[in-house]
Amino acid sequence: MAGSDHEIALATREDIAGILDLQDANLRERGGTLSVRFSREWFEAALDDMPVLVARKGARVVGYLVSSSPSAQAQVPIVQAMLRAYPGAPDAYLYGPICIAESERGQDLPAALMSALAARLPGRQGITFIRRDNTRSMRAHGKIGMRQVAEFTHGDAAIVVVVYPA
């Protein structure tokens, strides 16, 4: 699991600035792997919808994991395509985005965040998508124990749908 210098906790409104900074640094147009940019307002609503977790190192947000109801992301075209490919269990939630600061990668933060989320949502299925060419994310999700359940194409990208628990 993550090192003892990381705190995994529920996100607060005070964490949103750090979440947005981390998101912006990891968007595809900046060389990262995040496919969708969410606004401050979206993250504020997400905090009210379902658990949003952060990994902090000191006072700095170095990772985050969002869970949301399918309706919270219903306007996002790639999420619509994912849910057509695999709608999930009746009480399934969407898992992601997940983002880890480059300085903190390789320290098992994704597993620590996912474990904390699973403890808060026991017995429920989390669904997310990964670009097939995002080998780092594919490896990390496999290491956590996620299972591939479907594939689809969005734009020119091959997308894999994975679920947790497997």
C-alpha atoms as a PDB file:
ATOM      1  CA  MET A   1       0.000   0.000   0.000  1.00  0.00           C
ATOM      2  CA  ALA A   2       0.943   3.650  -0.097  1.00  0.00           C
ATOM      3  CA  GLY A   3       3.749   4.885   2.075  1.00  0.00           C
ATOM      4  CA  SER A   4       3.044   6.215   5.522  1.00  0.00           C
ATOM      5  CA  ASP A   5       3.746   9.769   4.369  1.00  0.00           C
ATOM      6  CA  HIS A   6       0.486   9.699   2.363  1.00  0.00           C
ATOM      7  CA  GLU A   7      -2.921  10.333   3.900  1.00  0.00           C
ATOM      8  CA  ILE A   8      -5.965   8.856   2.132  1.00  0.00           C
ATOM      9  CA  ALA A   9      -9.136  10.757   3.051  1.00  0.00           C
ATOM     10  CA  LEU A  10     -12.479  11.996   1.793  1.00  0.00           C
ATOM     11  CA  ALA A  11     -11.991  15.101  -0.312  1.00  0.00           C
ATOM     12  CA  THR A  12     -13.301  18.414   0.943  1.00  0.00           C
ATOM     13  CA  ARG A  13     -14.106  21.597  -0.921  1.00  0.00           C
ATOM     14  CA  GLU A  14     -10.684  22.869   0.183  1.00  0.00           C
ATOM     15  CA  ASP A  15      -9.087  20.042  -1.841  1.00  0.00           C
ATOM     16  CA  ILE A  16     -10.720  21.050  -5.130  1.00  0.00           C
ATOM     17  CA  ALA A  17      -8.002  23.556  -6.089  1.00  0.00           C
ATOM     18  CA  GLY A  18      -5.363  20.824  -5.693  1.00  0.00           C
ATOM     19  CA  ILE A  19      -7.519  18.341  -7.606  1.00  0.00           C
ATOM     20  CA  LEU A  20      -7.941  20.816 -10.480  1.00  0.00           C
ATOM     21  CA  ASP A  21      -4.182  21.522 -10.573  1.00  0.00           C
ATOM     22  CA  LEU A  22      -3.433  17.805 -10.709  1.00  0.00           C
ATOM     23  CA  GLN A  23      -6.105  17.259 -13.374  1.00  0.00           C
ATOM     24  CA  ASP A  24      -4.768  20.084 -15.545  1.00  0.00           C
ATOM     25  CA  ALA A  25      -1.204  18.739 -15.380  1.00  0.00           C
ATOM     26  CA  ASN A  26      -2.400  15.312 -16.565  1.00  0.00           C
ATOM     27  CA  LEU A  27      -4.786  16.098 -19.437  1.00  0.00           C
ATOM     28  CA  ARG A  28      -4.054  14.561 -22.841  1.00  0.00           C
ATOM     29  CA  GLU A  29      -3.342  17.970 -24.402  1.00  0.00           C
ATOM     30  CA  ARG A  30      -0.531  18.405 -21.858  1.00  0.00           C
ATOM     31  CA  GLY A  31       0.951  14.967 -22.462  1.00  0.00           C
ATOM     32  CA  GLY A  32      -1.023  13.199 -19.737  1.00  0.00           C
ATOM     33  CA  THR A  33      -3.613  10.460 -19.959  1.00  0.00           C
ATOM     34  CA  LEU A  34      -6.807  12.050 -18.596  1.00  0.00           C
ATOM     35  CA  SER A  35      -9.472  12.122 -21.306  1.00  0.00           C
ATOM     36  CA  VAL A  36     -12.003  14.544 -19.800  1.00  0.00           C
ATOM     37  CA  ARG A  37     -11.619  17.941 -18.085  1.00  0.00           C
ATOM     38  CA  PHE A  38     -14.102  18.489 -15.277  1.00  0.00           C
ATOM     39  CA  SER A  39     -14.893  21.933 -13.862  1.00  0.00           C
ATOM     40  CA  ARG A  40     -14.741  23.155 -10.272  1.00  0.00           C
ATOM     41  CA  GLU A  41     -18.542  23.058 -10.243  1.00  0.00           C
ATOM     42  CA  TRP A  42     -18.548  19.439 -11.391  1.00  0.00           C
ATOM     43  CA  PHE A  43     -16.159  18.445  -8.586  1.00  0.00           C
ATOM     44  CA  GLU A  44     -18.285  20.375  -6.059  1.00  0.00           C
ATOM     45  CA  ALA A  45     -21.353  18.426  -7.201  1.00  0.00           C
ATOM     46  CA  ALA A  46     -19.328  15.173  -7.169  1.00  0.00           C
ATOM     47  CA  LEU A  47     -18.516  15.734  -3.482  1.00  0.00           C
ATOM     48  CA  ASP A  48     -22.262  15.813  -2.789  1.00  0.00           C
ATOM     49  CA  ASP A  49     -22.992  12.780  -5.017  1.00  0.00           C
ATOM     50  CA  MET A  50     -20.628  10.017  -3.866  1.00  0.00           C
ATOM     51  CA  PRO A  51     -17.208   9.612  -2.237  1.00  0.00           C
ATOM     52  CA  VAL A  52     -14.312  11.521  -3.751  1.00  0.00           C
ATOM     53  CA  LEU A  53     -11.019  10.477  -2.206  1.00  0.00           C
ATOM     54  CA  VAL A  54      -7.699  12.274  -2.128  1.00  0.00           C
ATOM     55  CA  ALA A  55      -4.168  11.239  -1.332  1.00  0.00           C
ATOM     56  CA  ARG A  56      -2.325  14.019   0.446  1.00  0.00           C
ATOM     57  CA  LYS A  57       1.347  14.384   1.149  1.00  0.00           C
ATOM     58  CA  GLY A  58       1.534  17.088   3.741  1.00  0.00           C
ATOM     59  CA  ALA A  59      -1.004  19.677   2.663  1.00  0.00           C
ATOM     60  CA  ARG A  60      -0.595  18.871  -1.067  1.00  0.00           C
ATOM     61  CA  VAL A  61      -3.096  16.793  -3.061  1.00  0.00           C
ATOM     62  CA  VAL A  62      -0.957  14.171  -4.849  1.00  0.00           C
ATOM     63  CA  GLY A  63      -3.757  11.900  -6.009  1.00  0.00           C
ATOM     64  CA  TYR A  64      -7.510  11.685  -6.318  1.00  0.00           C
ATOM     65  CA  LEU A  65     -10.206   9.165  -7.138  1.00  0.00           C
ATOM     66  CA  VAL A  66     -13.772  10.100  -7.978  1.00  0.00           C
ATOM     67  CA  SER A  67     -16.785   7.856  -7.673  1.00  0.00           C
ATOM     68  CA  SER A  68     -20.058   9.028  -9.124  1.00  0.00           C
ATOM     69  CA  SER A  69     -23.505   7.860 -10.031  1.00  0.00           C
ATOM     70  CA  PRO A  70     -23.971   7.190 -13.752  1.00  0.00           C
ATOM     71  CA  SER A  71     -26.348  10.163 -13.944  1.00  0.00           C
ATOM     72  CA  ALA A  72     -23.614  12.540 -12.717  1.00  0.00           C
ATOM     73  CA  GLN A  73     -21.581  11.922 -15.887  1.00  0.00           C
ATOM     74  CA  ALA A  74     -24.494  11.244 -18.268  1.00  0.00           C
ATOM     75  CA  GLN A  75     -23.577  14.281 -20.405  1.00  0.00           C
ATOM     76  CA  VAL A  76     -20.054  12.991 -21.151  1.00  0.00           C
ATOM     77  CA  PRO A  77     -20.028  11.286 -24.581  1.00  0.00           C
ATOM     78  CA  ILE A  78     -17.310   8.738 -23.746  1.00  0.00           C
ATOM     79  CA  VAL A  79     -19.200   7.739 -20.586  1.00  0.00           C
ATOM     80  CA  GLN A  80     -22.382   7.307 -22.639  1.00  0.00           C
ATOM     81  CA  ALA A  81     -20.470   5.014 -25.013  1.00  0.00           C
ATOM     82  CA  MET A  82     -19.011   3.045 -22.091  1.00  0.00           C
ATOM     83  CA  LEU A  83     -22.435   2.476 -20.534  1.00  0.00           C
ATOM     84  CA  ARG A  84     -23.800   1.283 -23.892  1.00  0.00           C
ATOM     85  CA  ALA A  85     -20.931  -1.232 -24.081  1.00  0.00           C
ATOM     86  CA  TYR A  86     -21.399  -2.327 -20.455  1.00  0.00           C
ATOM     87  CA  PRO A  87     -24.226  -0.906 -18.301  1.00  0.00           C
ATOM     88  CA  GLY A  88     -23.101  -2.642 -15.111  1.00  0.00           C
ATOM     89  CA  ALA A  89     -25.045  -3.921 -12.128  1.00  0.00           C
ATOM     90  CA  PRO A  90     -28.167  -1.996 -11.015  1.00  0.00           C
ATOM     91  CA  ASP A  91     -26.316  -0.288  -8.138  1.00  0.00           C
ATOM     92  CA  ALA A  92     -23.014   0.154 -10.015  1.00  0.00           C
ATOM     93  CA  TYR A  93     -21.120   3.399  -9.747  1.00  0.00           C
ATOM     94  CA  LEU A  94     -18.617   5.035 -12.041  1.00  0.00           C
ATOM     95  CA  TYR A  95     -15.047   4.948 -10.839  1.00  0.00           C
ATOM     96  CA  GLY A  96     -12.768   7.672 -12.081  1.00  0.00           C
ATOM     97  CA  PRO A  97     -11.127   9.696 -12.980  1.00  0.00           C
ATOM     98  CA  ILE A  98      -8.143   8.642 -10.927  1.00  0.00           C
ATOM     99  CA  CYS A  99      -5.014  10.730 -11.099  1.00  0.00           C
ATOM    100  CA  ILE A 100      -1.662  10.453  -9.345  1.00  0.00           C
ATOM    101  CA  ALA A 101       1.023  13.149  -9.358  1.00  0.00           C
ATOM    102  CA  GLU A 102       4.043  12.133 -11.391  1.00  0.00           C
ATOM    103  CA  SER A 103       6.249  12.506  -8.297  1.00  0.00           C
ATOM    104  CA  GLU A 104       4.168   9.898  -6.438  1.00  0.00           C
ATOM    105  CA  ARG A 105       3.830   7.189  -9.082  1.00  0.00           C
ATOM    106  CA  GLY A 106       5.097   3.717  -8.279  1.00  0.00           C
ATOM    107  CA  GLN A 107       4.055   3.978  -4.631  1.00  0.00           C
ATOM    108  CA  ASP A 108       0.794   1.985  -4.899  1.00  0.00           C
ATOM    109  CA  LEU A 109      -1.443   5.027  -4.438  1.00  0.00           C
ATOM    110  CA  PRO A 110      -4.030   3.761  -6.972  1.00  0.00           C
ATOM    111  CA  ALA A 111      -4.430   0.551  -4.952  1.00  0.00           C
ATOM    112  CA  ALA A 112      -4.662   2.501  -1.689  1.00  0.00           C
ATOM    113  CA  LEU A 113      -7.316   4.832  -3.118  1.00  0.00           C
ATOM    114  CA  MET A 114      -9.310   1.966  -4.655  1.00  0.00           C
ATOM    115  CA  SER A 115      -9.171  -0.051  -1.436  1.00  0.00           C
ATOM    116  CA  ALA A 116     -10.429   2.952   0.545  1.00  0.00           C
ATOM    117  CA  LEU A 117     -13.238   3.483  -1.964  1.00  0.00           C
ATOM    118  CA  ALA A 118     -14.251  -0.196  -1.908  1.00  0.00           C
ATOM    119  CA  ALA A 119     -14.435  -0.020   1.890  1.00  0.00           C
ATOM    120  CA  ARG A 120     -16.854   2.919   1.592  1.00  0.00           C
ATOM    121  CA  LEU A 121     -18.985   1.207  -1.090  1.00  0.00           C
ATOM    122  CA  PRO A 122     -18.914  -2.466  -0.074  1.00  0.00           C
ATOM    123  CA  GLY A 123     -20.480  -4.986  -2.419  1.00  0.00           C
ATOM    124  CA  ARG A 124     -20.986  -2.462  -5.219  1.00  0.00           C
ATOM    125  CA  GLN A 125     -19.462  -2.679  -8.664  1.00  0.00           C
ATOM    126  CA  GLY A 126     -17.258   0.152  -9.907  1.00  0.00           C
ATOM    127  CA  ILE A 127     -16.990   0.661 -13.675  1.00  0.00           C
ATOM    128  CA  THR A 128     -14.440   2.689 -15.604  1.00  0.00           C
ATOM    129  CA  PHE A 129     -12.788   2.928 -18.997  1.00  0.00           C
ATOM    130  CA  ILE A 130      -9.169   3.031 -20.088  1.00  0.00           C
ATOM    131  CA  ARG A 131      -7.689   3.803 -23.472  1.00  0.00           C
ATOM    132  CA  ARG A 132      -6.124   0.572 -24.684  1.00  0.00           C
ATOM    133  CA  ASP A 133      -2.939   2.475 -25.586  1.00  0.00           C
ATOM    134  CA  ASN A 134      -2.574   3.758 -22.004  1.00  0.00           C
ATOM    135  CA  THR A 135      -0.299   0.908 -20.996  1.00  0.00           C
ATOM    136  CA  ARG A 136       0.601   2.467 -17.633  1.00  0.00           C
ATOM    137  CA  SER A 137      -3.055   2.649 -16.614  1.00  0.00           C
ATOM    138  CA  MET A 138      -3.826  -0.804 -18.005  1.00  0.00           C
ATOM    139  CA  ARG A 139      -1.002  -2.266 -15.864  1.00  0.00           C
ATOM    140  CA  ALA A 140      -2.038  -0.310 -12.763  1.00  0.00           C
ATOM    141  CA  HIS A 141      -5.689  -1.373 -13.056  1.00  0.00           C
ATOM    142  CA  GLY A 142      -4.685  -4.996 -13.583  1.00  0.00           C
ATOM    143  CA  LYS A 143      -2.462  -4.818 -10.511  1.00  0.00           C
ATOM    144  CA  ILE A 144      -5.429  -3.556  -8.470  1.00  0.00           C
ATOM    145  CA  GLY A 145      -7.432  -6.566  -9.670  1.00  0.00           C
ATOM    146  CA  MET A 146      -9.790  -4.974 -12.157  1.00  0.00           C
ATOM    147  CA  ARG A 147     -11.328  -7.193 -14.818  1.00  0.00           C
ATOM    148  CA  GLN A 148     -11.991  -6.294 -18.450  1.00  0.00           C
ATOM    149  CA  VAL A 149     -15.668  -6.740 -19.393  1.00  0.00           C
ATOM    150  CA  ALA A 150     -16.106  -4.900 -22.712  1.00  0.00           C
ATOM    151  CA  GLU A 151     -14.441  -2.851 -25.437  1.00  0.00           C
ATOM    152  CA  PHE A 152     -15.609  -0.016 -27.651  1.00  0.00           C
ATOM    153  CA  THR A 153     -14.192   2.616 -29.969  1.00  0.00           C
ATOM    154  CA  HIS A 154     -14.555   6.304 -29.216  1.00  0.00           C
ATOM    155  CA  GLY A 155     -13.299   8.655 -31.899  1.00  0.00           C
ATOM    156  CA  ASP A 156     -10.126   6.971 -33.088  1.00  0.00           C
ATOM    157  CA  ALA A 157      -9.314   5.320 -29.745  1.00  0.00           C
ATOM    158  CA  ALA A 158      -9.811   1.709 -28.653  1.00  0.00           C
ATOM    159  CA  ILE A 159     -11.313   1.772 -25.166  1.00  0.00           C
ATOM    160  CA  VAL A 160     -11.471  -1.016 -22.576  1.00  0.00           C
ATOM    161  CA  VAL A 161     -14.193  -1.187 -19.894  1.00  0.00           C
ATOM    162  CA  VAL A 162     -13.058  -2.622 -16.557  1.00  0.00           C
ATOM    163  CA  VAL A 163     -14.882  -3.390 -13.323  1.00  0.00           C
ATOM    164  CA  TYR A 164     -13.938  -3.583  -9.655  1.00  0.00           C
ATOM    165  CA  PRO A 165     -14.193  -5.822  -7.794  1.00  0.00           C
ATOM    166  CA  ALA A 166     -13.283  -8.317 -10.466  1.00  0.00           C
END
